[in-house]
């Protein structure tokens, strides 16, 4: 029996690998291991989804949506939510670079 390729949510697979530069769980685990943190793909997935659940919980609370663990979990695994978080983090990183360049006179 073959193993499934990943959790398939209503809106696609629950990892954002379509974003340029994004890594799948196996590549994250390989990179972490090469940097001295022994990790396998299951651990990488669990850590990633744990972080997404924390963020999703705050979003759900902010919008006063029923914050049951099922809704938070479904939101955390939704590729659209993950892409949104990526875009926010990417924008923050770009703003940091811009403000740092301004301070240095570049």
N, C-alpha and C. Protein backbone atom coordinates (compact mmCIF):
# COMPACT_ATOMS: atom_id res chain seq x y z
N UNK A 1 0.84 -1.17 0.00
CA UNK A 1 0.00 0.00 0.00
C UNK A 1 0.89 1.25 0.00
N UNK A 2 0.63 2.18 -0.89
CA UNK A 2 1.42 3.40 -0.97
C UNK A 2 0.91 4.42 0.03
N UNK A 3 1.81 5.26 0.47
CA UNK A 3 1.45 6.31 1.42
C UNK A 3 0.87 7.50 0.66
N UNK A 4 -0.07 8.20 1.27
CA UNK A 4 -0.60 9.40 0.62
C UNK A 4 0.48 10.47 0.51
N UNK A 5 0.36 11.33 -0.49
CA UNK A 5 1.37 12.36 -0.76
C UNK A 5 1.27 13.55 0.19
N UNK A 6 0.19 13.69 0.90
CA UNK A 6 0.03 14.80 1.83
C UNK A 6 -1.43 15.04 2.10
N UNK A 7 -1.70 15.82 3.12
CA UNK A 7 -3.07 16.14 3.45
C UNK A 7 -3.65 17.03 2.35
N UNK A 8 -4.77 16.67 1.82
CA UNK A 8 -5.42 17.45 0.77
C UNK A 8 -6.60 18.17 1.39
N UNK A 9 -6.48 19.49 1.55
CA UNK A 9 -7.59 20.27 2.07
C UNK A 9 -8.53 20.58 0.91
N UNK A 10 -9.62 21.24 1.22
CA UNK A 10 -10.58 21.60 0.16
C UNK A 10 -9.93 22.49 -0.90
N UNK A 11 -8.88 23.22 -0.51
CA UNK A 11 -8.29 24.21 -1.40
C UNK A 11 -6.88 23.86 -1.83
N UNK A 12 -6.53 22.58 -1.78
CA UNK A 12 -5.21 22.14 -2.23
C UNK A 12 -4.44 21.47 -1.12
N UNK A 13 -3.21 21.13 -1.41
CA UNK A 13 -2.37 20.48 -0.41
C UNK A 13 -1.96 21.49 0.65
N UNK A 14 -1.86 21.02 1.86
CA UNK A 14 -1.62 21.90 3.00
C UNK A 14 -0.15 22.20 3.22
N UNK A 15 0.58 22.42 2.18
CA UNK A 15 1.92 22.99 2.26
C UNK A 15 2.05 23.94 1.09
N UNK A 16 2.69 25.03 1.33
CA UNK A 16 2.82 26.04 0.29
C UNK A 16 4.15 25.82 -0.41
N UNK A 17 4.16 25.00 -1.44
CA UNK A 17 5.40 24.79 -2.19
C UNK A 17 5.34 25.50 -3.53
N UNK A 18 4.20 26.09 -3.84
CA UNK A 18 4.09 26.81 -5.10
C UNK A 18 4.75 28.19 -5.02
N UNK A 19 5.02 28.65 -3.80
CA UNK A 19 5.65 29.95 -3.60
C UNK A 19 7.14 29.80 -3.88
N UNK A 20 7.69 30.74 -4.64
CA UNK A 20 9.11 30.69 -4.98
C UNK A 20 9.97 30.70 -3.72
N UNK A 21 10.87 29.75 -3.65
CA UNK A 21 11.77 29.65 -2.50
C UNK A 21 11.22 28.85 -1.34
N UNK A 22 9.97 28.42 -1.42
CA UNK A 22 9.37 27.64 -0.33
C UNK A 22 9.92 26.22 -0.35
N UNK A 23 10.03 25.62 0.84
CA UNK A 23 10.54 24.27 0.97
C UNK A 23 9.43 23.34 1.45
N UNK A 24 9.47 22.10 1.00
CA UNK A 24 8.53 21.12 1.55
C UNK A 24 9.12 20.60 2.86
N UNK A 25 8.35 19.79 3.58
CA UNK A 25 8.76 19.33 4.90
C UNK A 25 10.07 18.54 4.86
N UNK A 26 10.25 17.74 3.85
CA UNK A 26 11.46 16.94 3.75
C UNK A 26 12.69 17.84 3.57
N UNK A 27 12.57 18.86 2.73
CA UNK A 27 13.71 19.77 2.52
C UNK A 27 13.98 20.62 3.76
N UNK A 28 12.91 21.00 4.47
CA UNK A 28 13.10 21.74 5.73
C UNK A 28 13.89 20.87 6.70
N UNK A 29 13.49 19.60 6.83
CA UNK A 29 14.17 18.67 7.74
C UNK A 29 15.63 18.49 7.34
N UNK A 30 15.90 18.36 6.05
CA UNK A 30 17.28 18.20 5.58
C UNK A 30 18.11 19.43 5.91
N UNK A 31 17.54 20.60 5.70
CA UNK A 31 18.27 21.85 5.98
C UNK A 31 18.54 21.99 7.48
N UNK A 32 17.54 21.70 8.31
CA UNK A 32 17.72 21.80 9.75
C UNK A 32 18.77 20.80 10.23
N UNK A 33 18.75 19.58 9.70
CA UNK A 33 19.73 18.57 10.07
C UNK A 33 21.13 19.00 9.67
N UNK A 34 21.27 19.58 8.48
CA UNK A 34 22.60 20.04 8.04
C UNK A 34 23.11 21.19 8.89
N UNK A 35 22.20 21.92 9.55
CA UNK A 35 22.60 23.02 10.43
C UNK A 35 22.76 22.57 11.88
N UNK A 36 22.66 21.24 12.11
CA UNK A 36 22.94 20.72 13.44
C UNK A 36 21.72 20.38 14.28
N UNK A 37 20.52 20.56 13.75
CA UNK A 37 19.29 20.23 14.47
C UNK A 37 18.71 18.97 13.85
N UNK A 38 18.91 17.83 14.52
CA UNK A 38 18.44 16.57 13.96
C UNK A 38 16.91 16.62 13.84
N UNK A 39 16.42 16.39 12.62
CA UNK A 39 14.99 16.53 12.37
C UNK A 39 14.59 15.64 11.20
N UNK A 40 13.39 15.09 11.27
CA UNK A 40 12.84 14.37 10.12
C UNK A 40 11.63 15.16 9.59
N UNK A 41 11.08 14.72 8.48
CA UNK A 41 9.99 15.50 7.85
C UNK A 41 8.74 15.55 8.72
N UNK A 42 8.49 14.52 9.51
CA UNK A 42 7.31 14.54 10.39
C UNK A 42 7.45 15.61 11.46
N UNK A 43 8.64 15.73 12.01
CA UNK A 43 8.88 16.76 13.02
C UNK A 43 8.78 18.15 12.41
N UNK A 44 9.33 18.32 11.21
CA UNK A 44 9.23 19.61 10.52
C UNK A 44 7.77 19.98 10.31
N UNK A 45 6.97 19.01 9.87
CA UNK A 45 5.53 19.25 9.66
C UNK A 45 4.86 19.64 10.97
N UNK A 46 5.14 18.89 12.03
CA UNK A 46 4.49 19.17 13.32
C UNK A 46 4.84 20.55 13.86
N UNK A 47 6.10 20.94 13.73
CA UNK A 47 6.52 22.26 14.20
C UNK A 47 5.88 23.36 13.35
N UNK A 48 5.88 23.16 12.04
CA UNK A 48 5.28 24.15 11.14
C UNK A 48 3.78 24.32 11.44
N UNK A 49 3.07 23.20 11.54
CA UNK A 49 1.63 23.29 11.79
C UNK A 49 1.31 23.82 13.18
N UNK A 50 2.17 23.56 14.13
CA UNK A 50 1.98 24.12 15.47
C UNK A 50 2.06 25.65 15.42
N UNK A 51 3.04 26.16 14.67
CA UNK A 51 3.17 27.61 14.51
C UNK A 51 1.96 28.19 13.76
N UNK A 52 1.52 27.50 12.71
CA UNK A 52 0.35 27.96 11.95
C UNK A 52 -0.91 27.96 12.83
N UNK A 53 -1.04 26.97 13.71
CA UNK A 53 -2.20 26.92 14.62
C UNK A 53 -2.19 28.11 15.57
N UNK A 54 -1.01 28.48 16.07
CA UNK A 54 -0.92 29.63 16.97
C UNK A 54 -1.36 30.89 16.25
N UNK A 55 -0.89 31.07 15.02
CA UNK A 55 -1.30 32.24 14.25
C UNK A 55 -2.79 32.20 13.92
N UNK A 56 -3.27 31.03 13.50
CA UNK A 56 -4.69 30.88 13.14
C UNK A 56 -5.58 31.15 14.34
N UNK A 57 -5.15 30.71 15.52
CA UNK A 57 -5.94 30.94 16.73
C UNK A 57 -6.16 32.43 16.98
N UNK A 58 -5.09 33.22 16.78
CA UNK A 58 -5.22 34.67 16.97
C UNK A 58 -6.11 35.30 15.91
N UNK A 59 -5.99 34.84 14.68
CA UNK A 59 -6.84 35.37 13.60
C UNK A 59 -8.30 35.04 13.88
N UNK A 60 -8.57 33.81 14.27
CA UNK A 60 -9.95 33.38 14.56
C UNK A 60 -10.52 34.20 15.71
N UNK A 61 -9.71 34.44 16.76
CA UNK A 61 -10.16 35.25 17.90
C UNK A 61 -10.42 36.69 17.48
N UNK A 62 -9.53 37.24 16.64
CA UNK A 62 -9.68 38.62 16.19
C UNK A 62 -11.00 38.84 15.47
N UNK A 63 -11.38 37.87 14.63
CA UNK A 63 -12.61 38.01 13.87
C UNK A 63 -13.81 37.41 14.58
N UNK A 64 -13.63 37.04 15.85
CA UNK A 64 -14.70 36.51 16.69
C UNK A 64 -15.44 35.34 16.03
N UNK A 65 -14.66 34.49 15.37
CA UNK A 65 -15.20 33.28 14.78
C UNK A 65 -15.13 32.21 15.86
N UNK A 66 -16.03 31.25 15.82
CA UNK A 66 -15.99 30.13 16.76
C UNK A 66 -14.57 29.57 16.77
N UNK A 67 -13.92 29.62 17.92
CA UNK A 67 -12.51 29.24 17.98
C UNK A 67 -12.30 27.79 18.42
N UNK A 68 -13.17 26.92 17.97
CA UNK A 68 -12.99 25.51 18.31
C UNK A 68 -11.69 25.01 17.68
N UNK A 69 -11.12 23.98 18.27
CA UNK A 69 -9.85 23.47 17.76
C UNK A 69 -9.98 22.97 16.33
N UNK A 70 -11.16 22.51 15.95
CA UNK A 70 -11.38 22.02 14.57
C UNK A 70 -11.24 23.16 13.57
N UNK A 71 -11.82 24.30 13.88
CA UNK A 71 -11.75 25.45 12.97
C UNK A 71 -10.32 25.99 12.91
N UNK A 72 -9.66 26.09 14.05
CA UNK A 72 -8.27 26.57 14.07
C UNK A 72 -7.38 25.62 13.28
N UNK A 73 -7.56 24.31 13.47
CA UNK A 73 -6.75 23.32 12.76
C UNK A 73 -7.00 23.39 11.26
N UNK A 74 -8.26 23.50 10.86
CA UNK A 74 -8.57 23.58 9.43
C UNK A 74 -7.99 24.84 8.81
N UNK A 75 -8.05 25.94 9.54
CA UNK A 75 -7.48 27.20 9.05
C UNK A 75 -5.97 27.09 8.91
N UNK A 76 -5.32 26.50 9.91
CA UNK A 76 -3.86 26.37 9.90
C UNK A 76 -3.38 25.53 8.73
N UNK A 77 -4.14 24.53 8.34
CA UNK A 77 -3.74 23.64 7.25
C UNK A 77 -4.13 24.15 5.87
N UNK A 78 -4.91 25.21 5.81
CA UNK A 78 -5.39 25.74 4.54
C UNK A 78 -4.26 26.45 3.81
N UNK A 79 -3.94 26.03 2.58
CA UNK A 79 -2.86 26.66 1.83
C UNK A 79 -3.06 28.16 1.61
N UNK A 80 -4.30 28.60 1.52
CA UNK A 80 -4.56 30.03 1.34
C UNK A 80 -4.12 30.81 2.57
N UNK A 81 -4.38 30.27 3.76
CA UNK A 81 -3.95 30.91 5.00
C UNK A 81 -2.42 30.93 5.05
N UNK A 82 -1.80 29.81 4.73
CA UNK A 82 -0.34 29.71 4.76
C UNK A 82 0.29 30.70 3.77
N UNK A 83 -0.29 30.83 2.59
CA UNK A 83 0.22 31.80 1.62
C UNK A 83 0.07 33.23 2.13
N UNK A 84 -1.05 33.50 2.79
CA UNK A 84 -1.27 34.83 3.36
C UNK A 84 -0.24 35.17 4.41
N UNK A 85 0.07 34.20 5.28
CA UNK A 85 1.10 34.40 6.30
C UNK A 85 2.45 34.64 5.62
N UNK A 86 2.74 33.86 4.58
CA UNK A 86 4.00 34.04 3.85
C UNK A 86 4.09 35.45 3.28
N UNK A 87 3.01 35.93 2.68
CA UNK A 87 3.01 37.26 2.07
C UNK A 87 3.23 38.34 3.12
N UNK A 88 2.61 38.18 4.28
CA UNK A 88 2.78 39.15 5.36
C UNK A 88 4.24 39.17 5.82
N UNK A 89 4.80 37.97 6.03
CA UNK A 89 6.20 37.89 6.49
C UNK A 89 7.16 38.43 5.43
N UNK A 90 6.86 38.18 4.17
CA UNK A 90 7.70 38.67 3.08
C UNK A 90 7.67 40.20 3.04
N UNK A 91 6.50 40.76 3.25
CA UNK A 91 6.36 42.22 3.26
C UNK A 91 7.10 42.84 4.44
N UNK A 92 7.01 42.21 5.60
CA UNK A 92 7.73 42.70 6.77
C UNK A 92 9.23 42.67 6.52
N UNK A 93 9.71 41.58 5.92
CA UNK A 93 11.13 41.45 5.61
C UNK A 93 11.57 42.53 4.62
N UNK A 94 10.74 42.80 3.61
CA UNK A 94 11.07 43.84 2.64
C UNK A 94 11.11 45.21 3.30
N UNK A 95 10.17 45.47 4.23
CA UNK A 95 10.16 46.74 4.95
C UNK A 95 11.41 46.90 5.81
N UNK A 96 11.85 45.80 6.43
CA UNK A 96 13.06 45.85 7.24
C UNK A 96 14.26 46.22 6.39
N UNK A 97 14.36 45.60 5.21
CA UNK A 97 15.48 45.88 4.32
C UNK A 97 15.47 47.34 3.88
N UNK A 98 14.29 47.85 3.57
CA UNK A 98 14.15 49.22 3.14
C UNK A 98 14.55 50.19 4.24
N UNK A 99 14.08 49.92 5.47
CA UNK A 99 14.40 50.83 6.58
C UNK A 99 15.87 50.74 6.95
N UNK A 100 16.49 49.57 6.84
CA UNK A 100 17.91 49.41 7.11
C UNK A 100 18.74 50.15 6.08
N UNK A 101 18.35 50.08 4.82
CA UNK A 101 19.09 50.78 3.77
C UNK A 101 18.99 52.28 3.97
N UNK A 102 17.85 52.77 4.44
CA UNK A 102 17.68 54.19 4.69
C UNK A 102 18.57 54.67 5.80
N UNK A 103 18.76 53.84 6.83
CA UNK A 103 19.61 54.22 7.95
C UNK A 103 21.07 54.29 7.56
N UNK A 104 21.48 53.42 6.62
CA UNK A 104 22.89 53.37 6.20
C UNK A 104 23.20 54.38 5.13
N UNK A 105 22.20 55.05 4.61
CA UNK A 105 22.41 56.02 3.55
C UNK A 105 22.57 55.41 2.19
N UNK A 106 22.12 54.18 2.02
CA UNK A 106 22.25 53.50 0.72
C UNK A 106 21.10 53.89 -0.17
